[in-house]
C-alpha atoms as a PDB file:
ATOM      1  CA  MET A   1      13.361   7.772  21.349  1.00  0.00           C
ATOM      2  CA  SER A   2      15.828   9.599  19.966  1.00  0.00           C
ATOM      3  CA  ASP A   3      15.580  12.506  17.536  1.00  0.00           C
ATOM      4  CA  LEU A   4      16.623  10.840  14.368  1.00  0.00           C
ATOM      5  CA  GLN A   5      14.217   7.904  15.564  1.00  0.00           C
ATOM      6  CA  SER A   6      11.668  11.213  15.250  1.00  0.00           C
ATOM      7  CA  ILE A   7      12.302  12.153  12.218  1.00  0.00           C
ATOM      8  CA  THR A   8      12.405   8.874  10.286  1.00  0.00           C
ATOM      9  CA  ASN A   9       9.323   7.785  11.904  1.00  0.00           C
ATOM     10  CA  ARG A  10       7.726  10.550  10.860  1.00  0.00           C
ATOM     11  CA  LEU A  11       8.942  10.317   7.283  1.00  0.00           C
ATOM     12  CA  ARG A  12       8.152   6.620   7.158  1.00  0.00           C
ATOM     13  CA  ASP A  13       4.749   7.642   7.516  1.00  0.00           C
ATOM     14  CA  GLN A  14       3.975  10.475   5.492  1.00  0.00           C
ATOM     15  CA  ILE A  15       5.889   8.613   2.545  1.00  0.00           C
ATOM     16  CA  GLU A  16       3.580   5.890   2.891  1.00  0.00           C
ATOM     17  CA  GLY A  17       0.550   7.352   1.345  1.00  0.00           C
ATOM     18  CA  LEU A  18       1.862   8.045  -2.019  1.00  0.00           C
ATOM     19  CA  GLN A  19       0.704   6.753  -5.016  1.00  0.00           C
ATOM     20  CA  PHE A  20       2.884   5.637  -7.862  1.00  0.00           C
ATOM     21  CA  PRO A  21       1.867   5.369 -11.214  1.00  0.00           C
ATOM     22  CA  ASP A  22       2.902   2.737 -13.615  1.00  0.00           C
ATOM     23  CA  PRO A  23       5.782   1.498 -14.379  1.00  0.00           C
ATOM     24  CA  VAL A  24       5.876   1.028 -10.181  1.00  0.00           C
ATOM     25  CA  ALA A  25       4.215  -2.076  -9.516  1.00  0.00           C
ATOM     26  CA  TYR A  26       6.151  -2.768  -5.667  1.00  0.00           C
ATOM     27  CA  VAL A  27       6.697  -0.568  -3.007  1.00  0.00           C
ATOM     28  CA  TYR A  28       9.212  -1.378   0.176  1.00  0.00           C
ATOM     29  CA  ASN A  29       9.491   0.206   2.963  1.00  0.00           C
ATOM     30  CA  PRO A  30      12.431  -0.824   4.752  1.00  0.00           C
ATOM     31  CA  LEU A  31      11.396   1.563   7.544  1.00  0.00           C
ATOM     32  CA  ASP A  32       8.540   0.051   8.229  1.00  0.00           C
ATOM     33  CA  TYR A  33       8.686  -3.535   8.036  1.00  0.00           C
ATOM     34  CA  ALA A  34      12.791  -3.317   8.910  1.00  0.00           C
ATOM     35  CA  ARG A  35      11.956  -0.826  11.441  1.00  0.00           C
ATOM     36  CA  ARG A  36      13.669  -2.488  14.338  1.00  0.00           C
ATOM     37  CA  PRO A  37      17.412  -2.968  13.355  1.00  0.00           C
ATOM     38  CA  TRP A  38      17.238   0.467  11.531  1.00  0.00           C
ATOM     39  CA  ALA A  39      16.169   1.761  15.352  1.00  0.00           C
ATOM     40  CA  ARG A  40      19.594  -0.151  16.769  1.00  0.00           C
ATOM     41  CA  TYR A  41      21.397   1.171  13.994  1.00  0.00           C
ATOM     42  CA  LEU A  42      20.650   4.721  15.468  1.00  0.00           C
ATOM     43  CA  GLU A  43      20.914   3.747  18.700  1.00  0.00           C
ATOM     44  CA  LYS A  44      24.466   2.181  18.475  1.00  0.00           C
ATOM     45  CA  TYR A  45      26.040   5.357  15.953  1.00  0.00           C
ATOM     46  CA  GLY A  46      23.431   7.498  15.682  1.00  0.00           C
ATOM     47  CA  GLN A  47      24.490  10.323  18.160  1.00  0.00           C
ATOM     48  CA  ALA A  48      24.847  13.875  17.113  1.00  0.00           C
ATOM     49  CA  PRO A  49      27.006  15.441  16.557  1.00  0.00           C
ATOM     50  CA  LYS A  50      28.792  13.645  12.773  1.00  0.00           C
ATOM     51  CA  GLU A  51      31.380  15.258  10.660  1.00  0.00           C
ATOM     52  CA  VAL A  52      30.256  13.734   7.879  1.00  0.00           C
ATOM     53  CA  LEU A  53      27.147  12.620   6.798  1.00  0.00           C
ATOM     54  CA  LEU A  54      26.861  10.352   3.758  1.00  0.00           C
ATOM     55  CA  LEU A  55      23.685  10.368   1.652  1.00  0.00           C
ATOM     56  CA  GLY A  56      22.466   7.189  -0.712  1.00  0.00           C
ATOM     57  CA  MET A  57      19.796   7.607  -2.370  1.00  0.00           C
ATOM     58  CA  ASN A  58      17.800   4.720  -1.888  1.00  0.00           C
ATOM     59  CA  PRO A  59      17.461   1.282  -0.978  1.00  0.00           C
ATOM     60  CA  GLY A  60      18.754  -1.704  -2.923  1.00  0.00           C
ATOM     61  CA  PRO A  61      17.045  -5.215  -3.228  1.00  0.00           C
ATOM     62  CA  TRP A  62      19.708  -7.207  -1.053  1.00  0.00           C
ATOM     63  CA  GLY A  63      20.963  -4.722   0.976  1.00  0.00           C
ATOM     64  CA  MET A  64      18.547  -1.978   2.762  1.00  0.00           C
ATOM     65  CA  ALA A  65      15.734  -3.730   1.973  1.00  0.00           C
ATOM     66  CA  GLN A  66      16.524  -7.138   3.405  1.00  0.00           C
ATOM     67  CA  THR A  67      18.458  -5.380   6.773  1.00  0.00           C
ATOM     68  CA  GLY A  68      16.663  -2.186   7.153  1.00  0.00           C
ATOM     69  CA  ILE A  69      20.188  -0.340   7.009  1.00  0.00           C
ATOM     70  CA  PRO A  70      21.521   1.815   4.010  1.00  0.00           C
ATOM     71  CA  PHE A  71      23.737  -0.215   1.853  1.00  0.00           C
ATOM     72  CA  GLY A  72      23.438  -2.803   4.185  1.00  0.00           C
ATOM     73  CA  GLU A  73      25.274  -6.031   3.030  1.00  0.00           C
ATOM     74  CA  VAL A  74      23.991  -8.421   5.372  1.00  0.00           C
ATOM     75  CA  SER A  75      27.120  -9.986   6.900  1.00  0.00           C
ATOM     76  CA  LEU A  76      28.762  -6.680   7.814  1.00  0.00           C
ATOM     77  CA  VAL A  77      25.766  -5.130   9.320  1.00  0.00           C
ATOM     78  CA  ARG A  78      25.484  -7.871  11.448  1.00  0.00           C
ATOM     79  CA  ASP A  79      29.592  -9.601  11.953  1.00  0.00           C
ATOM     80  CA  TRP A  80      30.698  -5.839  12.020  1.00  0.00           C
ATOM     81  CA  LEU A  81      28.239  -3.366  12.771  1.00  0.00           C
ATOM     82  CA  GLY A  82      26.806  -5.464  15.276  1.00  0.00           C
ATOM     83  CA  VAL A  83      23.047  -4.774  13.958  1.00  0.00           C
ATOM     84  CA  GLU A  84      20.636  -7.749  14.185  1.00  0.00           C
ATOM     85  CA  ALA A  85      16.525  -7.887  14.681  1.00  0.00           C
ATOM     86  CA  PRO A  86      13.732  -9.403  13.474  1.00  0.00           C
ATOM     87  CA  VAL A  87      12.537  -8.349   9.856  1.00  0.00           C
ATOM     88  CA  ASP A  88       8.591  -8.535   8.537  1.00  0.00           C
ATOM     89  CA  GLN A  89       8.010  -8.355   4.904  1.00  0.00           C
ATOM     90  CA  PRO A  90       6.115  -5.757   2.800  1.00  0.00           C
ATOM     91  CA  GLN A  91       2.685  -6.680   2.015  1.00  0.00           C
ATOM     92  CA  ARG A  92       3.164  -7.393  -1.567  1.00  0.00           C
ATOM     93  CA  MET A  93       6.432  -9.186  -2.393  1.00  0.00           C
ATOM     94  CA  HIS A  94       7.833  -9.659  -6.018  1.00  0.00           C
ATOM     95  CA  PRO A  95       8.625 -13.241  -6.092  1.00  0.00           C
ATOM     96  CA  LYS A  96      12.123 -12.302  -8.055  1.00  0.00           C
ATOM     97  CA  LYS A  97      12.721  -9.831  -5.008  1.00  0.00           C
ATOM     98  CA  PRO A  98      11.912 -11.335  -1.470  1.00  0.00           C
ATOM     99  CA  VAL A  99      12.195 -10.103   1.514  1.00  0.00           C
ATOM    100  CA  THR A 100      14.086 -12.971   3.981  1.00  0.00           C
ATOM    101  CA  GLY A 101      15.722 -10.455   6.565  1.00  0.00           C
ATOM    102  CA  PHE A 102      19.186 -11.765   7.673  1.00  0.00           C
ATOM    103  CA  ALA A 103      18.604 -15.095   6.093  1.00  0.00           C
ATOM    104  CA  CYS A 104      18.638 -13.192   2.511  1.00  0.00           C
ATOM    105  CA  PRO A 105      21.803 -15.257   0.922  1.00  0.00           C
ATOM    106  CA  ARG A 106      22.606 -12.545  -1.877  1.00  0.00           C
ATOM    107  CA  HIS A 107      25.026 -10.101  -1.614  1.00  0.00           C
ATOM    108  CA  GLU A 108      25.001  -6.116  -1.651  1.00  0.00           C
ATOM    109  CA  VAL A 109      28.161  -5.347  -3.908  1.00  0.00           C
ATOM    110  CA  SER A 110      27.821  -1.633  -2.991  1.00  0.00           C
ATOM    111  CA  GLY A 111      27.058  -2.418   0.715  1.00  0.00           C
ATOM    112  CA  GLN A 112      30.322  -4.779   0.327  1.00  0.00           C
ATOM    113  CA  ARG A 113      31.994  -2.135  -0.901  1.00  0.00           C
ATOM    114  CA  LEU A 114      31.346   0.682   0.796  1.00  0.00           C
ATOM    115  CA  TRP A 115      30.686  -0.598   4.573  1.00  0.00           C
ATOM    116  CA  GLY A 116      33.790  -3.263   3.661  1.00  0.00           C
ATOM    117  CA  TRP A 117      36.304  -0.398   2.737  1.00  0.00           C
ATOM    118  CA  ALA A 118      34.852   1.275   6.245  1.00  0.00           C
ATOM    119  CA  LYS A 119      35.816  -2.305   8.125  1.00  0.00           C
ATOM    120  CA  GLU A 120      38.920  -2.562   6.021  1.00  0.00           C
ATOM    121  CA  ARG A 121      40.411   1.405   7.397  1.00  0.00           C
ATOM    122  CA  PHE A 122      38.712   1.943  10.350  1.00  0.00           C
ATOM    123  CA  VAL A 123      39.064  -1.572  11.674  1.00  0.00           C
ATOM    124  CA  LYS A 124      36.383  -1.072  14.518  1.00  0.00           C
ATOM    125  CA  PRO A 125      32.893   0.102  13.857  1.00  0.00           C
ATOM    126  CA  GLU A 126      32.494   2.732  16.333  1.00  0.00           C
ATOM    127  CA  ALA A 127      35.709   4.651  14.928  1.00  0.00           C
ATOM    128  CA  PHE A 128      34.103   5.241  11.614  1.00  0.00           C
ATOM    129  CA  LEU A 129      30.479   5.790  13.136  1.00  0.00           C
ATOM    130  CA  ALA A 130      31.961   8.378  15.555  1.00  0.00           C
ATOM    131  CA  ARG A 131      32.815  10.637  12.908  1.00  0.00           C
ATOM    132  CA  PHE A 132      30.583   9.542   9.605  1.00  0.00           C
ATOM    133  CA  LEU A 133      26.898   8.143   9.409  1.00  0.00           C
ATOM    134  CA  VAL A 134      25.269   6.678   6.303  1.00  0.00           C
ATOM    135  CA  ILE A 135      21.804   7.231   5.405  1.00  0.00           C
ATOM    136  CA  ASN A 136      19.343   6.907   2.185  1.00  0.00           C
ATOM    137  CA  TYR A 137      17.622  10.433   0.991  1.00  0.00           C
ATOM    138  CA  CYS A 138      14.644   8.214  -0.174  1.00  0.00           C
ATOM    139  CA  PRO A 139      13.627   4.882   1.987  1.00  0.00           C
ATOM    140  CA  LEU A 140      11.480   3.212  -0.601  1.00  0.00           C
ATOM    141  CA  LEU A 141      12.700   0.810  -3.353  1.00  0.00           C
ATOM    142  CA  PHE A 142      10.497   0.621  -6.297  1.00  0.00           C
ATOM    143  CA  LEU A 143      10.417  -2.299  -8.805  1.00  0.00           C
ATOM    144  CA  ASP A 144       8.541  -3.257 -11.976  1.00  0.00           C
ATOM    145  CA  GLU A 145       6.765  -5.513 -12.893  1.00  0.00           C
ATOM    146  CA  ALA A 146       9.690  -7.295 -13.910  1.00  0.00           C
ATOM    147  CA  GLY A 147      11.313  -7.084 -10.991  1.00  0.00           C
ATOM    148  CA  ARG A 148      13.715  -4.077 -12.392  1.00  0.00           C
ATOM    149  CA  ASN A 149      14.809  -1.191  -9.746  1.00  0.00           C
ATOM    150  CA  LEU A 150      13.055   2.358 -10.477  1.00  0.00           C
ATOM    151  CA  THR A 151      14.960   5.013  -9.174  1.00  0.00           C
ATOM    152  CA  PRO A 152      13.499   8.196  -7.512  1.00  0.00           C
ATOM    153  CA  GLU A 153      14.841  10.036 -10.727  1.00  0.00           C
ATOM    154  CA  LEU A 154      13.060   8.103 -12.983  1.00  0.00           C
ATOM    155  CA  MET A 155       9.720   9.024 -11.697  1.00  0.00           C
ATOM    156  CA  PRO A 156       7.318  10.793 -13.278  1.00  0.00           C
ATOM    157  CA  LYS A 157       8.392  14.809 -12.605  1.00  0.00           C
ATOM    158  CA  GLY A 158       4.997  15.425 -10.593  1.00  0.00           C
ATOM    159  CA  VAL A 159       5.947  12.141  -8.366  1.00  0.00           C
ATOM    160  CA  GLN A 160       9.610  13.080  -7.938  1.00  0.00           C
ATOM    161  CA  GLN A 161       7.584  16.726  -6.407  1.00  0.00           C
ATOM    162  CA  ASP A 162       5.680  14.525  -4.263  1.00  0.00           C
ATOM    163  CA  ILE A 163       8.583  12.370  -2.768  1.00  0.00           C
ATOM    164  CA  HIS A 164      11.187  15.362  -2.831  1.00  0.00           C
ATOM    165  CA  LYS A 165       8.449  17.033  -0.611  1.00  0.00           C
ATOM    166  CA  ILE A 166       8.885  14.296   2.128  1.00  0.00           C
ATOM    167  CA  CYS A 167      11.952  13.531   1.819  1.00  0.00           C
ATOM    168  CA  ASP A 168      13.809  16.828   1.526  1.00  0.00           C
ATOM    169  CA  GLN A 169      11.756  17.856   5.044  1.00  0.00           C
ATOM    170  CA  ALA A 170      13.186  14.713   6.617  1.00  0.00           C
ATOM    171  CA  LEU A 171      17.160  15.225   5.309  1.00  0.00           C
ATOM    172  CA  ALA A 172      16.720  18.902   6.714  1.00  0.00           C
ATOM    173  CA  GLU A 173      15.895  17.827   9.948  1.00  0.00           C
ATOM    174  CA  THR A 174      18.452  15.562   9.869  1.00  0.00           C
ATOM    175  CA  VAL A 175      21.048  17.680   8.904  1.00  0.00           C
ATOM    176  CA  LYS A 176      19.793  19.923  11.969  1.00  0.00           C
ATOM    177  CA  VAL A 177      20.365  17.315  14.366  1.00  0.00           C
ATOM    178  CA  LEU A 178      23.950  16.462  13.273  1.00  0.00           C
ATOM    179  CA  GLN A 179      25.214  19.070  12.533  1.00  0.00           C
ATOM    180  CA  PRO A 180      27.874  17.913  10.247  1.00  0.00           C
ATOM    181  CA  ARG A 181      30.657  19.587   8.291  1.00  0.00           C
ATOM    182  CA  TYR A 182      30.060  17.811   5.169  1.00  0.00           C
ATOM    183  CA  VAL A 183      26.996  16.640   3.584  1.00  0.00           C
ATOM    184  CA  ILE A 184      28.420  14.041   0.918  1.00  0.00           C
ATOM    185  CA  GLY A 185      26.110  12.410  -1.792  1.00  0.00           C
ATOM    186  CA  VAL A 186      26.851   8.538  -2.701  1.00  0.00           C
ATOM    187  CA  GLY A 187      26.482   9.313  -6.268  1.00  0.00           C
ATOM    188  CA  ARG A 188      25.469  12.915  -8.133  1.00  0.00           C
ATOM    189  CA  TYR A 189      21.839  12.138  -7.474  1.00  0.00           C
ATOM    190  CA  ALA A 190      21.993  12.550  -3.672  1.00  0.00           C
ATOM    191  CA  GLU A 191      24.542  15.773  -3.764  1.00  0.00           C
ATOM    192  CA  LYS A 192      21.333  17.332  -5.980  1.00  0.00           C
ATOM    193  CA  ARG A 193      18.967  16.422  -3.199  1.00  0.00           C
ATOM    194  CA  ALA A 194      21.052  18.176  -0.802  1.00  0.00           C
ATOM    195  CA  ARG A 195      22.519  21.351  -2.629  1.00  0.00           C
ATOM    196  CA  GLU A 196      18.310  21.877  -3.353  1.00  0.00           C
ATOM    197  CA  VAL A 197      18.014  21.157   0.334  1.00  0.00           C
ATOM    198  CA  LEU A 198      20.321  22.906   2.482  1.00  0.00           C
ATOM    199  CA  GLY A 199      21.257  26.060   0.096  1.00  0.00           C
ATOM    200  CA  ASP A 200      22.609  27.947   3.411  1.00  0.00           C
ATOM    201  CA  PHE A 201      24.602  25.004   4.446  1.00  0.00           C
ATOM    202  CA  PRO A 202      27.753  26.375   6.325  1.00  0.00           C
ATOM    203  CA  GLY A 203      30.214  23.150   5.185  1.00  0.00           C
ATOM    204  CA  THR A 204      30.874  20.994   2.246  1.00  0.00           C
ATOM    205  CA  ILE A 205      28.265  19.412   0.016  1.00  0.00           C
ATOM    206  CA  ALA A 206      30.140  17.131  -2.525  1.00  0.00           C
ATOM    207  CA  TYR A 207      29.755  13.722  -3.967  1.00  0.00           C
ATOM    208  CA  ILE A 208      31.761  10.699  -4.307  1.00  0.00           C
ATOM    209  CA  THR A 209      31.179   7.991  -6.660  1.00  0.00           C
ATOM    210  CA  HIS A 210      28.856   5.336  -6.296  1.00  0.00           C
ATOM    211  CA  PRO A 211      30.026   1.837  -5.596  1.00  0.00           C
ATOM    212  CA  SER A 212      27.286   0.273  -7.609  1.00  0.00           C
ATOM    213  CA  PRO A 213      29.123  -2.368 -10.266  1.00  0.00           C
ATOM    214  CA  ALA A 214      26.461  -0.903 -12.889  1.00  0.00           C
ATOM    215  CA  ASN A 215      28.876   2.013 -12.724  1.00  0.00           C
ATOM    216  CA  PRO A 216      32.104   1.370 -14.805  1.00  0.00           C
ATOM    217  CA  LYS A 217      34.233   3.179 -12.404  1.00  0.00           C
ATOM    218  CA  ALA A 218      33.390   1.952  -9.638  1.00  0.00           C
ATOM    219  CA  ASN A 219      34.708  -1.033 -10.767  1.00  0.00           C
ATOM    220  CA  ARG A 220      38.366  -0.172 -11.383  1.00  0.00           C
ATOM    221  CA  GLY A 221      39.371  -0.061  -7.521  1.00  0.00           C
ATOM    222  CA  TRP A 222      36.306   2.174  -5.783  1.00  0.00           C
ATOM    223  CA  SER A 223      38.129   1.907  -2.106  1.00  0.00           C
ATOM    224  CA  GLN A 224      41.221   4.112  -3.137  1.00  0.00           C
ATOM    225  CA  LEU A 225      39.095   6.193  -5.618  1.00  0.00           C
ATOM    226  CA  ILE A 226      36.320   7.374  -2.470  1.00  0.00           C
ATOM    227  CA  GLU A 227      39.692   7.478  -0.574  1.00  0.00           C
ATOM    228  CA  THR A 228      41.041   9.800  -2.667  1.00  0.00           C
ATOM    229  CA  GLU A 229      37.638  11.420  -3.133  1.00  0.00           C
ATOM    230  CA  LEU A 230      37.023  12.116   0.411  1.00  0.00           C
ATOM    231  CA  GLN A 231      41.026  13.306   0.814  1.00  0.00           C
ATOM    232  CA  GLU A 232      40.187  15.922  -1.790  1.00  0.00           C
ATOM    233  CA  LEU A 233      37.198  17.203  -0.242  1.00  0.00           C
ATOM    234  CA  GLY A 234      39.713  17.803   3.266  1.00  0.00           C
ATOM    235  CA  ILE A 235      37.879  14.943   4.786  1.00  0.00           C
ATOM    236  CA  LYS A 236      40.886  12.619   6.634  1.00  0.00           C
ATOM    237  CA  ILE A 237      40.838   8.852   6.532  1.00  0.00           C
ATOM    238  CA  GLY A 238      42.701   7.071   9.410  1.00  0.00           C
END
């Protein structure tokens, strides 16, 4: 078992014990029910060291919640990354956000943008993932009774502290294993957590614009935007 797999196994087990008050009604932990594709992702692409760690916030309902892979748009995970494995289901699922694994017909726009950019610029996944690794800070998807996403930053302060205690440790351990030169938050939340956790980090901590369609800035040519952002940080593309 790899060091990264051991880290995420501990993260999975520790965070499973947390309790979440209203308005959280459903909690999905894809590190548990989608552990097999996640393990394959790490086996194929998780070798240290990495130049760049791309750090997302938490799973989306049509991405990692389905495939176990951060920003895990089904078609790109299966057909480009070459990762596919059986996916189970959470014990409780919202009827509007079912988990059907690689049979999911919905698309994850953020994942289409992130992994689609990587495919366009690096062509082969091995070329991209020799230098980069994409992970999420928090492995849990939170939904309210209506099926709306609840992000970790919207949790009550005490709950946020519980999440941070567990996820901060996993992030610190991951960075120790991968020894990246850059830790880049995909969005400001992830960057903030990285800065809190990695106070003595000798490299660069920064963020790139999140690819979510809910972010107006991302809807005006996200690929070119983040390529410019990465290059301004000194990360060479191609």
